[in-house]
Amino acid sequence: MIDLKDFEFDELISYLKDMGEPKFRAEQIFAWLHKGVEDYDEMTNLSKATRQKLKENTYISVLKIRLKLVSKLDGTIKYLFELPDGNCIESVVMRYHHGLTICISSQIGCRMGCRFCASTIGGLYRSLTAGEIINQVIFAQKDIGERISNIVIMGIGEPMDNYDNIIKFLHNVNHENGLNIGYRHITLSSCGVVPGLIKLADEALPITLTISLHAPNDKIRDEIMPVNHKWKIKELMEACRYYINKTGRRISFEYSLIHGVNDSKDNARALAELVRPLHGHVNLIPVNKVRERSYRKGSAEEIQGFKELLEELGINATIRRELGSDINASCGQLRKKVIDEG
C-alpha cells in the first residue's frame, strides 16, 4: 500500500493520471492530505468511485499523540508521536512573538553518535518517510488549532542521513496547495555530512542552514562527534563556503558549551578564527544534562563570558533561550524515557 503523503505533487499527478483521474484531482487530494484528514470519506469533493479506488491501493498516514507535555513556564508543547509501526518520535512546538515554530525529527534514533546528545543513544532504528516527517507539522497544527509558520529540522536524527525524504518534505511543505510554509521560514540543522551539504547547496533552496559544530578544532570534535572522523573541520568549512557561494545564504553554527571540554577562552578564540571568514553567526547552547553522560554546562557567568569574548573578536553570537525546561523539551529525552520504561 502507498502512503500518498510520500509523493511530491508532480508524482501525485502522475499516479492519479495512471488511475484515470484528471490533474485537478491531485490539487484536491493534496490539499486534503495536508489539512490532516484521516479518512478518504472526509474528502467530500471526490466521487465515491474515486475514493474507493484510493482505498484499494493507498492509505493516509497518521500520527497518534502518545504523550503531550505543556510547559507551565513558557507554553512550549512537547509531543511524543506514535507511528503506525509502534515507534515513537518527538516534536516540539515553541511560541514566539512572530508565531509558532515546530522542531521536528527526521529519523527514529540517530547513528551520528554525538556524545552529548540523548537522541543517538541506542543508535538508528530507521529513517522517516517524507509523509512521516510532514505529519509532525500537520498533526501538531491540528491539535493546537493554530497555524504553524516556522519549522526547524533539529529534532531526533541527522537530516542529511535521510536526504531524499527531507528534500521531498521540503518541496511538499512549501507547496501552495499544501501547508504553504515559505522556505525562508525553514531551518535545517546538520552535524556535517559533507556530501549531503554539497547536494543541498545544489538544490538552491532558500532555507536557513545551521551546522552543529560544537568544537573549534579536530581534537575536541573527534572526541565528542564521531562524524568528524570521516569529514574533518577543514572539509566541513569548505562545504559551508560552497553552500554560501551557491545560495547566497548565511550559515549559523551551533555550539553546545560543555564545561571543561570546549568552553575555555582559547576555545572561543579558535572558534572565532574558524567562523570569521564565513561571516557566520554562532548560536551558543548550554549543554543539556543527559543521564548517561557526565557532561555539564558552566555557570551563567562563564557562558556569558564566552559569548562576550566572541563578540569582542567580531563574531555575532547569541545564547539560545532555554524553552520547556520543566518538560525535558530537548531532543531524545522523552522518547528514551518511554523506551526505558517499556
C-alpha atoms as a PDB file:
ATOM      1  CA  MET A   1       0.000   0.000   0.000  1.00  0.00           C
ATOM      2  CA  ILE A   2       1.170   3.509  -0.836  1.00  0.00           C
ATOM      3  CA  ASP A   3       1.114   6.479   1.521  1.00  0.00           C
ATOM      4  CA  LEU A   4       0.030   9.378  -0.692  1.00  0.00           C
ATOM      5  CA  LYS A   5       1.936  11.828   1.538  1.00  0.00           C
ATOM      6  CA  ASP A   6       5.175  10.244   0.337  1.00  0.00           C
ATOM      7  CA  PHE A   7       4.510  11.637  -3.157  1.00  0.00           C
ATOM      8  CA  GLU A   8       5.622  15.051  -4.281  1.00  0.00           C
ATOM      9  CA  PHE A   9       2.870  16.976  -6.053  1.00  0.00           C
ATOM     10  CA  ASP A  10       4.046  16.083  -9.564  1.00  0.00           C
ATOM     11  CA  GLU A  11       4.364  12.435  -8.552  1.00  0.00           C
ATOM     12  CA  LEU A  12       0.812  12.529  -7.241  1.00  0.00           C
ATOM     13  CA  ILE A  13      -0.397  13.942 -10.568  1.00  0.00           C
ATOM     14  CA  SER A  14       1.307  11.080 -12.431  1.00  0.00           C
ATOM     15  CA  TYR A  15      -0.032   8.436 -10.066  1.00  0.00           C
ATOM     16  CA  LEU A  16      -3.606   9.689 -10.342  1.00  0.00           C
ATOM     17  CA  LYS A  17      -3.306  10.047 -14.107  1.00  0.00           C
ATOM     18  CA  ASP A  18      -2.459   6.341 -14.274  1.00  0.00           C
ATOM     19  CA  MET A  19      -5.676   5.752 -12.318  1.00  0.00           C
ATOM     20  CA  GLY A  20      -7.600   7.709 -14.933  1.00  0.00           C
ATOM     21  CA  GLU A  21      -8.023  10.839 -12.796  1.00  0.00           C
ATOM     22  CA  PRO A  22      -7.580  14.424 -14.102  1.00  0.00           C
ATOM     23  CA  LYS A  23      -4.872  16.829 -12.894  1.00  0.00           C
ATOM     24  CA  PHE A  24      -7.250  18.923 -10.775  1.00  0.00           C
ATOM     25  CA  ARG A  25      -7.932  15.832  -8.673  1.00  0.00           C
ATOM     26  CA  ALA A  26      -4.318  15.931  -7.460  1.00  0.00           C
ATOM     27  CA  GLU A  27      -4.814  19.519  -6.311  1.00  0.00           C
ATOM     28  CA  GLN A  28      -7.898  18.498  -4.342  1.00  0.00           C
ATOM     29  CA  ILE A  29      -6.305  15.424  -2.753  1.00  0.00           C
ATOM     30  CA  PHE A  30      -3.003  17.169  -1.968  1.00  0.00           C
ATOM     31  CA  ALA A  31      -4.898  19.937  -0.161  1.00  0.00           C
ATOM     32  CA  TRP A  32      -6.988  17.455   1.834  1.00  0.00           C
ATOM     33  CA  LEU A  33      -3.932  15.435   2.871  1.00  0.00           C
ATOM     34  CA  HIS A  34      -2.217  18.491   4.306  1.00  0.00           C
ATOM     35  CA  LYS A  35      -5.319  19.613   6.171  1.00  0.00           C
ATOM     36  CA  GLY A  36      -4.942  16.457   8.230  1.00  0.00           C
ATOM     37  CA  VAL A  37      -7.872  14.311   7.056  1.00  0.00           C
ATOM     38  CA  GLU A  38      -7.557  10.753   8.309  1.00  0.00           C
ATOM     39  CA  ASP A  39     -10.013   9.006   6.006  1.00  0.00           C
ATOM     40  CA  TYR A  40     -10.818   9.317   2.300  1.00  0.00           C
ATOM     41  CA  ASP A  41     -14.503   9.772   3.146  1.00  0.00           C
ATOM     42  CA  GLU A  42     -13.588  13.170   4.576  1.00  0.00           C
ATOM     43  CA  MET A  43     -12.626  14.270   1.044  1.00  0.00           C
ATOM     44  CA  THR A  44     -16.145  15.401   0.247  1.00  0.00           C
ATOM     45  CA  ASN A  45     -15.424  16.813  -3.229  1.00  0.00           C
ATOM     46  CA  LEU A  46     -14.257  13.409  -4.513  1.00  0.00           C
ATOM     47  CA  SER A  47     -16.678  10.936  -6.042  1.00  0.00           C
ATOM     48  CA  LYS A  48     -17.384   7.687  -4.201  1.00  0.00           C
ATOM     49  CA  ALA A  49     -15.774   5.768  -7.083  1.00  0.00           C
ATOM     50  CA  THR A  50     -12.535   7.772  -6.772  1.00  0.00           C
ATOM     51  CA  ARG A  51     -12.476   7.337  -3.008  1.00  0.00           C
ATOM     52  CA  GLN A  52     -12.959   3.606  -3.399  1.00  0.00           C
ATOM     53  CA  LYS A  53     -10.072   3.310  -5.877  1.00  0.00           C
ATOM     54  CA  LEU A  54      -7.836   5.198  -3.448  1.00  0.00           C
ATOM     55  CA  LYS A  55      -8.854   2.961  -0.544  1.00  0.00           C
ATOM     56  CA  GLU A  56      -7.962  -0.159  -2.511  1.00  0.00           C
ATOM     57  CA  ASN A  57      -4.421   0.959  -3.401  1.00  0.00           C
ATOM     58  CA  THR A  58      -3.294   3.639  -0.966  1.00  0.00           C
ATOM     59  CA  TYR A  59      -3.645   4.879   2.583  1.00  0.00           C
ATOM     60  CA  ILE A  60      -3.437   8.128   4.530  1.00  0.00           C
ATOM     61  CA  SER A  61      -0.713   8.009   7.162  1.00  0.00           C
ATOM     62  CA  VAL A  62      -1.486   9.458  10.592  1.00  0.00           C
ATOM     63  CA  LEU A  63       0.301  10.100  13.868  1.00  0.00           C
ATOM     64  CA  LYS A  64      -1.157   9.338  17.275  1.00  0.00           C
ATOM     65  CA  ILE A  65      -0.308  11.529  20.229  1.00  0.00           C
ATOM     66  CA  ARG A  66       1.269   9.084  22.674  1.00  0.00           C
ATOM     67  CA  LEU A  67       2.166  11.810  25.162  1.00  0.00           C
ATOM     68  CA  LYS A  68       1.753  15.583  25.243  1.00  0.00           C
ATOM     69  CA  LEU A  69       3.523  17.830  27.750  1.00  0.00           C
ATOM     70  CA  VAL A  70       2.883  21.555  28.095  1.00  0.00           C
ATOM     71  CA  SER A  71       5.391  23.785  29.855  1.00  0.00           C
ATOM     72  CA  LYS A  72       3.974  25.888  32.668  1.00  0.00           C
ATOM     73  CA  LEU A  73       6.910  28.267  32.200  1.00  0.00           C
ATOM     74  CA  ASP A  74       6.521  29.337  28.569  1.00  0.00           C
ATOM     75  CA  GLY A  75       3.775  27.279  26.898  1.00  0.00           C
ATOM     76  CA  THR A  76       6.184  25.071  24.944  1.00  0.00           C
ATOM     77  CA  ILE A  77       4.447  21.863  23.852  1.00  0.00           C
ATOM     78  CA  LYS A  78       6.319  18.590  23.517  1.00  0.00           C
ATOM     79  CA  TYR A  79       4.744  15.727  21.590  1.00  0.00           C
ATOM     80  CA  LEU A  80       5.689  12.099  21.631  1.00  0.00           C
ATOM     81  CA  PHE A  81       4.040  10.897  18.420  1.00  0.00           C
ATOM     82  CA  GLU A  82       3.416   7.214  17.792  1.00  0.00           C
ATOM     83  CA  LEU A  83       3.871   5.902  14.251  1.00  0.00           C
ATOM     84  CA  PRO A  84       1.722   3.106  12.780  1.00  0.00           C
ATOM     85  CA  ASP A  85       4.560   0.604  13.384  1.00  0.00           C
ATOM     86  CA  GLY A  86       4.621   1.466  17.111  1.00  0.00           C
ATOM     87  CA  ASN A  87       7.826   3.529  17.032  1.00  0.00           C
ATOM     88  CA  CYS A  88       7.825   6.977  18.599  1.00  0.00           C
ATOM     89  CA  ILE A  89       9.276  10.319  17.545  1.00  0.00           C
ATOM     90  CA  GLU A  90       9.462  13.709  19.225  1.00  0.00           C
ATOM     91  CA  SER A  91       8.328  17.127  18.064  1.00  0.00           C
ATOM     92  CA  VAL A  92       8.306  20.411  19.990  1.00  0.00           C
ATOM     93  CA  VAL A  93       6.145  23.470  19.347  1.00  0.00           C
ATOM     94  CA  MET A  94       7.503  26.774  20.643  1.00  0.00           C
ATOM     95  CA  ARG A  95       5.640  30.061  20.815  1.00  0.00           C
ATOM     96  CA  TYR A  96       7.495  33.202  19.782  1.00  0.00           C
ATOM     97  CA  HIS A  97       6.290  36.745  19.134  1.00  0.00           C
ATOM     98  CA  HIS A  98       6.408  36.024  15.386  1.00  0.00           C
ATOM     99  CA  GLY A  99       4.237  32.883  15.656  1.00  0.00           C
ATOM    100  CA  LEU A 100       4.527  29.155  16.254  1.00  0.00           C
ATOM    101  CA  THR A 101       7.701  27.252  15.445  1.00  0.00           C
ATOM    102  CA  ILE A 102       7.875  23.460  15.367  1.00  0.00           C
ATOM    103  CA  CYS A 103      11.050  21.441  15.836  1.00  0.00           C
ATOM    104  CA  ILE A 104      10.675  18.135  14.001  1.00  0.00           C
ATOM    105  CA  SER A 105      12.539  14.824  13.795  1.00  0.00           C
ATOM    106  CA  SER A 106      13.918  13.248  10.620  1.00  0.00           C
ATOM    107  CA  GLN A 107      14.764   9.757  11.893  1.00  0.00           C
ATOM    108  CA  ILE A 108      13.868   7.269  14.620  1.00  0.00           C
ATOM    109  CA  GLY A 109      17.076   7.391  16.613  1.00  0.00           C
ATOM    110  CA  CYS A 110      20.365   8.537  15.115  1.00  0.00           C
ATOM    111  CA  ARG A 111      23.650   6.921  14.128  1.00  0.00           C
ATOM    112  CA  MET A 112      25.837  10.026  14.307  1.00  0.00           C
ATOM    113  CA  GLY A 113      26.886   9.220  17.889  1.00  0.00           C
ATOM    114  CA  CYS A 114      27.359  12.769  19.255  1.00  0.00           C
ATOM    115  CA  ARG A 115      28.456  12.196  22.860  1.00  0.00           C
ATOM    116  CA  PHE A 116      26.339  14.969  24.407  1.00  0.00           C
ATOM    117  CA  CYS A 117      23.047  14.049  22.698  1.00  0.00           C
ATOM    118  CA  ALA A 118      20.316  11.752  24.064  1.00  0.00           C
ATOM    119  CA  SER A 119      18.875  11.154  20.576  1.00  0.00           C
ATOM    120  CA  THR A 120      21.780   8.968  19.496  1.00  0.00           C
ATOM    121  CA  ILE A 121      21.797   6.616  22.495  1.00  0.00           C
ATOM    122  CA  GLY A 122      20.615   3.280  21.122  1.00  0.00           C
ATOM    123  CA  GLY A 123      21.592   4.174  17.561  1.00  0.00           C
ATOM    124  CA  LEU A 124      19.423   4.466  14.458  1.00  0.00           C
ATOM    125  CA  TYR A 125      16.276   2.384  14.090  1.00  0.00           C
ATOM    126  CA  ARG A 126      15.186   3.754  10.714  1.00  0.00           C
ATOM    127  CA  SER A 127      14.678   6.949   8.744  1.00  0.00           C
ATOM    128  CA  LEU A 128      11.298   8.635   8.496  1.00  0.00           C
ATOM    129  CA  THR A 129       9.436   8.815   5.205  1.00  0.00           C
ATOM    130  CA  ALA A 130       8.512  12.170   3.683  1.00  0.00           C
ATOM    131  CA  GLY A 131       4.937  11.608   4.866  1.00  0.00           C
ATOM    132  CA  GLU A 132       6.008  10.849   8.425  1.00  0.00           C
ATOM    133  CA  ILE A 133       8.127  13.994   8.518  1.00  0.00           C
ATOM    134  CA  ILE A 134       5.349  16.307   7.338  1.00  0.00           C
ATOM    135  CA  ASN A 135       2.789  14.595   9.575  1.00  0.00           C
ATOM    136  CA  GLN A 136       4.545  16.111  12.592  1.00  0.00           C
ATOM    137  CA  VAL A 137       3.623  19.563  11.330  1.00  0.00           C
ATOM    138  CA  ILE A 138       0.136  18.550  10.222  1.00  0.00           C
ATOM    139  CA  PHE A 139      -0.932  16.809  13.423  1.00  0.00           C
ATOM    140  CA  ALA A 140       0.659  19.309  15.809  1.00  0.00           C
ATOM    141  CA  GLN A 141      -1.118  22.106  13.957  1.00  0.00           C
ATOM    142  CA  LYS A 142      -4.365  20.126  14.013  1.00  0.00           C
ATOM    143  CA  ASP A 143      -4.073  19.528  17.763  1.00  0.00           C
ATOM    144  CA  ILE A 144      -3.241  23.139  18.620  1.00  0.00           C
ATOM    145  CA  GLY A 145      -5.780  24.667  16.242  1.00  0.00           C
ATOM    146  CA  GLU A 146      -3.347  27.372  15.126  1.00  0.00           C
ATOM    147  CA  ARG A 147      -1.172  27.789  12.058  1.00  0.00           C
ATOM    148  CA  ILE A 148       2.473  26.816  12.429  1.00  0.00           C
ATOM    149  CA  SER A 149       4.552  29.316  10.481  1.00  0.00           C
ATOM    150  CA  ASN A 150       8.147  28.209  11.082  1.00  0.00           C
ATOM    151  CA  ILE A 151       9.929  24.845  11.010  1.00  0.00           C
ATOM    152  CA  VAL A 152      13.286  23.770  12.385  1.00  0.00           C
ATOM    153  CA  ILE A 153      14.573  20.326  11.411  1.00  0.00           C
ATOM    154  CA  MET A 154      16.613  19.866  14.574  1.00  0.00           C
ATOM    155  CA  GLY A 155      14.845  17.024  16.350  1.00  0.00           C
ATOM    156  CA  ILE A 156      15.905  13.384  16.516  1.00  0.00           C
ATOM    157  CA  GLY A 157      18.079  12.249  13.602  1.00  0.00           C
ATOM    158  CA  GLU A 158      20.502  13.708  11.057  1.00  0.00           C
ATOM    159  CA  PRO A 159      18.588  15.221   8.100  1.00  0.00           C
ATOM    160  CA  MET A 160      21.453  14.671   5.637  1.00  0.00           C
ATOM    161  CA  ASP A 161      21.390  10.963   6.554  1.00  0.00           C
ATOM    162  CA  ASN A 162      17.816  10.901   5.181  1.00  0.00           C
ATOM    163  CA  TYR A 163      18.422  13.186   2.243  1.00  0.00           C
ATOM    164  CA  ASP A 164      15.831  12.140  -0.338  1.00  0.00           C
ATOM    165  CA  ASN A 165      12.929  12.148   2.102  1.00  0.00           C
ATOM    166  CA  ILE A 166      13.995  15.516   3.524  1.00  0.00           C
ATOM    167  CA  ILE A 167      14.025  17.082   0.047  1.00  0.00           C
ATOM    168  CA  LYS A 168      10.572  15.653  -0.701  1.00  0.00           C
ATOM    169  CA  PHE A 169       9.346  17.029   2.617  1.00  0.00           C
ATOM    170  CA  LEU A 170      10.761  20.484   1.858  1.00  0.00           C
ATOM    171  CA  HIS A 171       9.085  20.588  -1.551  1.00  0.00           C
ATOM    172  CA  ASN A 172       5.756  19.422  -0.122  1.00  0.00           C
ATOM    173  CA  VAL A 173       5.632  21.652   2.952  1.00  0.00           C
ATOM    174  CA  ASN A 174       6.365  24.663   0.740  1.00  0.00           C
ATOM    175  CA  HIS A 175       3.762  23.804  -1.921  1.00  0.00           C
ATOM    176  CA  GLU A 176       0.987  26.341  -2.406  1.00  0.00           C
ATOM    177  CA  ASN A 177      -1.697  23.621  -2.368  1.00  0.00           C
ATOM    178  CA  GLY A 178      -0.414  22.239   0.930  1.00  0.00           C
ATOM    179  CA  LEU A 179       0.842  23.907   4.109  1.00  0.00           C
ATOM    180  CA  ASN A 180       2.496  26.650   2.031  1.00  0.00           C
ATOM    181  CA  ILE A 181       5.277  27.390   4.529  1.00  0.00           C
ATOM    182  CA  GLY A 182       7.939  29.546   2.891  1.00  0.00           C
ATOM    183  CA  TYR A 183      11.457  28.184   2.534  1.00  0.00           C
ATOM    184  CA  ARG A 184      12.822  31.211   4.379  1.00  0.00           C
ATOM    185  CA  HIS A 185      10.793  30.091   7.395  1.00  0.00           C
ATOM    186  CA  ILE A 186      12.519  26.692   7.457  1.00  0.00           C
ATOM    187  CA  THR A 187      15.819  25.923   9.197  1.00  0.00           C
ATOM    188  CA  LEU A 188      17.741  22.678   8.725  1.00  0.00           C
ATOM    189  CA  SER A 189      20.475  21.580  11.121  1.00  0.00           C
ATOM    190  CA  SER A 190      23.242  19.143  10.170  1.00  0.00           C
ATOM    191  CA  CYS A 191      26.211  17.801  12.126  1.00  0.00           C
ATOM    192  CA  GLY A 192      28.309  17.941   8.965  1.00  0.00           C
ATOM    193  CA  VAL A 193      27.564  15.152   6.479  1.00  0.00           C
ATOM    194  CA  VAL A 194      29.600  16.851   3.768  1.00  0.00           C
ATOM    195  CA  PRO A 195      28.247  15.091   0.618  1.00  0.00           C
ATOM    196  CA  GLY A 196      24.692  15.913   1.724  1.00  0.00           C
ATOM    197  CA  LEU A 197      25.576  19.559   2.291  1.00  0.00           C
ATOM    198  CA  ILE A 198      27.042  19.811  -1.224  1.00  0.00           C
ATOM    199  CA  LYS A 199      23.889  18.289  -2.719  1.00  0.00           C
ATOM    200  CA  LEU A 200      21.715  20.589  -0.615  1.00  0.00           C
ATOM    201  CA  ALA A 201      23.647  23.602  -1.893  1.00  0.00           C
ATOM    202  CA  ASP A 202      22.975  22.494  -5.460  1.00  0.00           C
ATOM    203  CA  GLU A 203      19.216  22.358  -4.716  1.00  0.00           C
ATOM    204  CA  ALA A 204      19.432  26.161  -4.222  1.00  0.00           C
ATOM    205  CA  LEU A 205      16.521  26.221  -1.772  1.00  0.00           C
ATOM    206  CA  PRO A 206      16.476  29.473   0.239  1.00  0.00           C
ATOM    207  CA  ILE A 207      16.222  27.705   3.591  1.00  0.00           C
ATOM    208  CA  THR A 208      18.451  28.531   6.559  1.00  0.00           C
ATOM    209  CA  LEU A 209      21.268  26.067   7.220  1.00  0.00           C
ATOM    210  CA  THR A 210      22.781  25.607  10.644  1.00  0.00           C
ATOM    211  CA  ILE A 211      25.840  23.480  11.308  1.00  0.00           C
ATOM    212  CA  SER A 212      26.188  21.628  14.602  1.00  0.00           C
ATOM    213  CA  LEU A 213      29.854  22.450  15.075  1.00  0.00           C
ATOM    214  CA  HIS A 214      30.357  22.195  18.857  1.00  0.00           C
ATOM    215  CA  ALA A 215      34.159  22.287  18.716  1.00  0.00           C
ATOM    216  CA  PRO A 216      36.803  24.717  17.460  1.00  0.00           C
ATOM    217  CA  ASN A 217      39.321  22.074  16.367  1.00  0.00           C
ATOM    218  CA  ASP A 218      39.551  18.457  15.222  1.00  0.00           C
ATOM    219  CA  LYS A 219      40.981  17.198  18.515  1.00  0.00           C
ATOM    220  CA  ILE A 220      37.880  18.138  20.503  1.00  0.00           C
ATOM    221  CA  ARG A 221      35.423  17.396  17.701  1.00  0.00           C
ATOM    222  CA  ASP A 222      36.884  13.906  17.184  1.00  0.00           C
ATOM    223  CA  GLU A 223      36.238  13.252  20.865  1.00  0.00           C
ATOM    224  CA  ILE A 224      32.631  14.415  21.031  1.00  0.00           C
ATOM    225  CA  MET A 225      31.373  13.979  17.434  1.00  0.00           C
ATOM    226  CA  PRO A 226      32.280  10.739  15.606  1.00  0.00           C
ATOM    227  CA  VAL A 227      31.169  12.267  12.273  1.00  0.00           C
ATOM    228  CA  ASN A 228      34.416  14.258  12.431  1.00  0.00           C
ATOM    229  CA  HIS A 229      36.439  11.076  11.910  1.00  0.00           C
ATOM    230  CA  LYS A 230      35.030  10.961   8.368  1.00  0.00           C
ATOM    231  CA  TRP A 231      34.822  14.661   7.495  1.00  0.00           C
ATOM    232  CA  LYS A 232      37.305  16.902   9.295  1.00  0.00           C
ATOM    233  CA  ILE A 233      36.571  20.529  10.121  1.00  0.00           C
ATOM    234  CA  LYS A 234      38.543  21.826   7.121  1.00  0.00           C
ATOM    235  CA  GLU A 235      36.413  19.767   4.724  1.00  0.00           C
ATOM    236  CA  LEU A 236      33.253  20.830   6.545  1.00  0.00           C
ATOM    237  CA  MET A 237      34.204  24.519   6.284  1.00  0.00           C
ATOM    238  CA  GLU A 238      34.892  24.093   2.559  1.00  0.00           C
ATOM    239  CA  ALA A 239      31.410  22.612   2.141  1.00  0.00           C
ATOM    240  CA  CYS A 240      29.961  25.556   4.080  1.00  0.00           C
ATOM    241  CA  ARG A 241      31.789  28.006   1.825  1.00  0.00           C
ATOM    242  CA  TYR A 242      30.406  26.174  -1.222  1.00  0.00           C
ATOM    243  CA  TYR A 243      26.894  26.376   0.239  1.00  0.00           C
ATOM    244  CA  ILE A 244      27.188  30.113   0.872  1.00  0.00           C
ATOM    245  CA  ASN A 245      28.513  30.761  -2.647  1.00  0.00           C
ATOM    246  CA  LYS A 246      25.742  28.688  -4.267  1.00  0.00           C
ATOM    247  CA  THR A 247      22.821  30.027  -2.241  1.00  0.00           C
ATOM    248  CA  GLY A 248      23.879  33.469  -1.032  1.00  0.00           C
ATOM    249  CA  ARG A 249      22.558  32.445   2.394  1.00  0.00           C
ATOM    250  CA  ARG A 250      24.474  32.965   5.635  1.00  0.00           C
ATOM    251  CA  ILE A 251      25.123  29.893   7.809  1.00  0.00           C
ATOM    252  CA  SER A 252      24.675  29.698  11.566  1.00  0.00           C
ATOM    253  CA  PHE A 253      26.887  27.497  13.725  1.00  0.00           C
ATOM    254  CA  GLU A 254      25.502  25.728  16.787  1.00  0.00           C
ATOM    255  CA  TYR A 255      27.937  25.331  19.639  1.00  0.00           C
ATOM    256  CA  SER A 256      26.981  23.341  22.755  1.00  0.00           C
ATOM    257  CA  LEU A 257      29.044  24.673  25.640  1.00  0.00           C
ATOM    258  CA  ILE A 258      30.405  21.739  27.646  1.00  0.00           C
ATOM    259  CA  HIS A 259      32.200  22.749  30.822  1.00  0.00           C
ATOM    260  CA  GLY A 260      35.876  21.812  30.767  1.00  0.00           C
ATOM    261  CA  VAL A 261      35.678  20.424  27.224  1.00  0.00           C
ATOM    262  CA  ASN A 262      35.112  23.250  24.735  1.00  0.00           C
ATOM    263  CA  ASP A 263      34.331  26.392  26.750  1.00  0.00           C
ATOM    264  CA  SER A 264      37.736  27.913  27.518  1.00  0.00           C
ATOM    265  CA  LYS A 265      38.868  31.344  26.335  1.00  0.00           C
ATOM    266  CA  ASP A 266      41.313  29.665  23.952  1.00  0.00           C
ATOM    267  CA  ASN A 267      38.399  27.668  22.539  1.00  0.00           C
ATOM    268  CA  ALA A 268      36.468  30.905  21.976  1.00  0.00           C
ATOM    269  CA  ARG A 269      39.417  32.449  20.148  1.00  0.00           C
ATOM    270  CA  ALA A 270      39.863  29.371  17.949  1.00  0.00           C
ATOM    271  CA  LEU A 271      36.134  29.309  17.208  1.00  0.00           C
ATOM    272  CA  ALA A 272      36.215  32.963  16.172  1.00  0.00           C
ATOM    273  CA  GLU A 273      39.119  32.295  13.777  1.00  0.00           C
ATOM    274  CA  LEU A 274      37.188  29.369  12.291  1.00  0.00           C
ATOM    275  CA  VAL A 275      33.876  31.085  11.525  1.00  0.00           C
ATOM    276  CA  ARG A 276      35.048  34.657  10.824  1.00  0.00           C
ATOM    277  CA  PRO A 277      35.938  34.017   7.138  1.00  0.00           C
ATOM    278  CA  LEU A 278      32.373  32.751   6.584  1.00  0.00           C
ATOM    279  CA  HIS A 279      30.770  35.691   8.431  1.00  0.00           C
ATOM    280  CA  GLY A 280      28.954  33.043  10.459  1.00  0.00           C
ATOM    281  CA  HIS A 281      26.594  33.575  13.352  1.00  0.00           C
ATOM    282  CA  VAL A 282      27.243  31.417  16.432  1.00  0.00           C
ATOM    283  CA  ASN A 283      24.339  30.109  18.486  1.00  0.00           C
ATOM    284  CA  LEU A 284      25.630  29.072  21.912  1.00  0.00           C
ATOM    285  CA  ILE A 285      23.744  26.250  23.633  1.00  0.00           C
ATOM    286  CA  PRO A 286      24.401  25.434  27.290  1.00  0.00           C
ATOM    287  CA  VAL A 287      24.695  21.637  27.112  1.00  0.00           C
ATOM    288  CA  ASN A 288      21.678  19.640  28.269  1.00  0.00           C
ATOM    289  CA  LYS A 289      22.066  17.169  31.091  1.00  0.00           C
ATOM    290  CA  VAL A 290      21.937  13.604  29.776  1.00  0.00           C
ATOM    291  CA  ARG A 291      21.766  10.887  32.424  1.00  0.00           C
ATOM    292  CA  GLU A 292      24.170   8.564  30.592  1.00  0.00           C
ATOM    293  CA  ARG A 293      26.821  11.254  30.150  1.00  0.00           C
ATOM    294  CA  SER A 294      28.994  13.198  32.588  1.00  0.00           C
ATOM    295  CA  TYR A 295      28.923  16.435  30.576  1.00  0.00           C
ATOM    296  CA  ARG A 296      27.596  19.535  32.277  1.00  0.00           C
ATOM    297  CA  LYS A 297      27.258  23.210  31.489  1.00  0.00           C
ATOM    298  CA  GLY A 298      29.293  26.002  33.046  1.00  0.00           C
ATOM    299  CA  SER A 299      27.908  28.810  35.177  1.00  0.00           C
ATOM    300  CA  ALA A 300      25.771  31.577  33.701  1.00  0.00           C
ATOM    301  CA  GLU A 301      28.721  33.932  34.134  1.00  0.00           C
ATOM    302  CA  GLU A 302      31.073  31.592  32.232  1.00  0.00           C
ATOM    303  CA  ILE A 303      28.582  31.171  29.397  1.00  0.00           C
ATOM    304  CA  GLN A 304      28.048  34.928  29.166  1.00  0.00           C
ATOM    305  CA  GLY A 305      31.817  35.464  29.230  1.00  0.00           C
ATOM    306  CA  PHE A 306      32.298  33.074  26.282  1.00  0.00           C
ATOM    307  CA  LYS A 307      29.672  34.992  24.306  1.00  0.00           C
ATOM    308  CA  GLU A 308      31.197  38.386  25.120  1.00  0.00           C
ATOM    309  CA  LEU A 309      34.669  37.226  24.091  1.00  0.00           C
ATOM    310  CA  LEU A 310      33.315  36.053  20.724  1.00  0.00           C
ATOM    311  CA  GLU A 311      31.671  39.444  20.254  1.00  0.00           C
ATOM    312  CA  GLU A 312      34.911  41.236  21.114  1.00  0.00           C
ATOM    313  CA  LEU A 313      36.535  39.144  18.391  1.00  0.00           C
ATOM    314  CA  GLY A 314      33.945  40.321  15.857  1.00  0.00           C
ATOM    315  CA  ILE A 315      31.627  37.308  15.893  1.00  0.00           C
ATOM    316  CA  ASN A 316      27.863  37.713  16.083  1.00  0.00           C
ATOM    317  CA  ALA A 317      26.828  35.365  18.911  1.00  0.00           C
ATOM    318  CA  THR A 318      23.661  34.599  20.827  1.00  0.00           C
ATOM    319  CA  ILE A 319      22.813  32.266  23.705  1.00  0.00           C
ATOM    320  CA  ARG A 320      19.886  30.025  22.875  1.00  0.00           C
ATOM    321  CA  ARG A 321      16.878  30.734  25.022  1.00  0.00           C
ATOM    322  CA  GLU A 322      16.004  27.635  27.017  1.00  0.00           C
ATOM    323  CA  LEU A 323      12.379  26.704  26.395  1.00  0.00           C
ATOM    324  CA  GLY A 324      10.349  23.950  28.011  1.00  0.00           C
ATOM    325  CA  SER A 325      12.969  23.186  30.657  1.00  0.00           C
ATOM    326  CA  ASP A 326      10.287  21.830  33.003  1.00  0.00           C
ATOM    327  CA  ILE A 327       9.165  19.220  30.433  1.00  0.00           C
ATOM    328  CA  ASN A 328      12.582  17.971  29.223  1.00  0.00           C
ATOM    329  CA  ALA A 329      11.993  19.598  25.833  1.00  0.00           C
ATOM    330  CA  SER A 330      15.479  18.861  24.500  1.00  0.00           C
ATOM    331  CA  CYS A 331      15.840  16.184  21.829  1.00  0.00           C
ATOM    332  CA  GLY A 332      15.583  12.497  22.580  1.00  0.00           C
ATOM    333  CA  GLN A 333      14.934  12.572  26.319  1.00  0.00           C
ATOM    334  CA  LEU A 334      11.204  11.842  26.257  1.00  0.00           C
ATOM    335  CA  ARG A 335      11.450   9.050  23.680  1.00  0.00           C
ATOM    336  CA  LYS A 336      14.275   7.400  25.600  1.00  0.00           C
ATOM    337  CA  LYS A 337      12.351   7.638  28.888  1.00  0.00           C
ATOM    338  CA  VAL A 338       9.340   5.876  27.351  1.00  0.00           C
ATOM    339  CA  ILE A 339      11.588   3.163  25.815  1.00  0.00           C
ATOM    340  CA  ASP A 340      13.384   2.602  29.125  1.00  0.00           C
ATOM    341  CA  GLU A 341      10.103   2.268  30.967  1.00  0.00           C
ATOM    342  CA  GLY A 342       8.843  -0.214  28.392  1.00  0.00           C
END
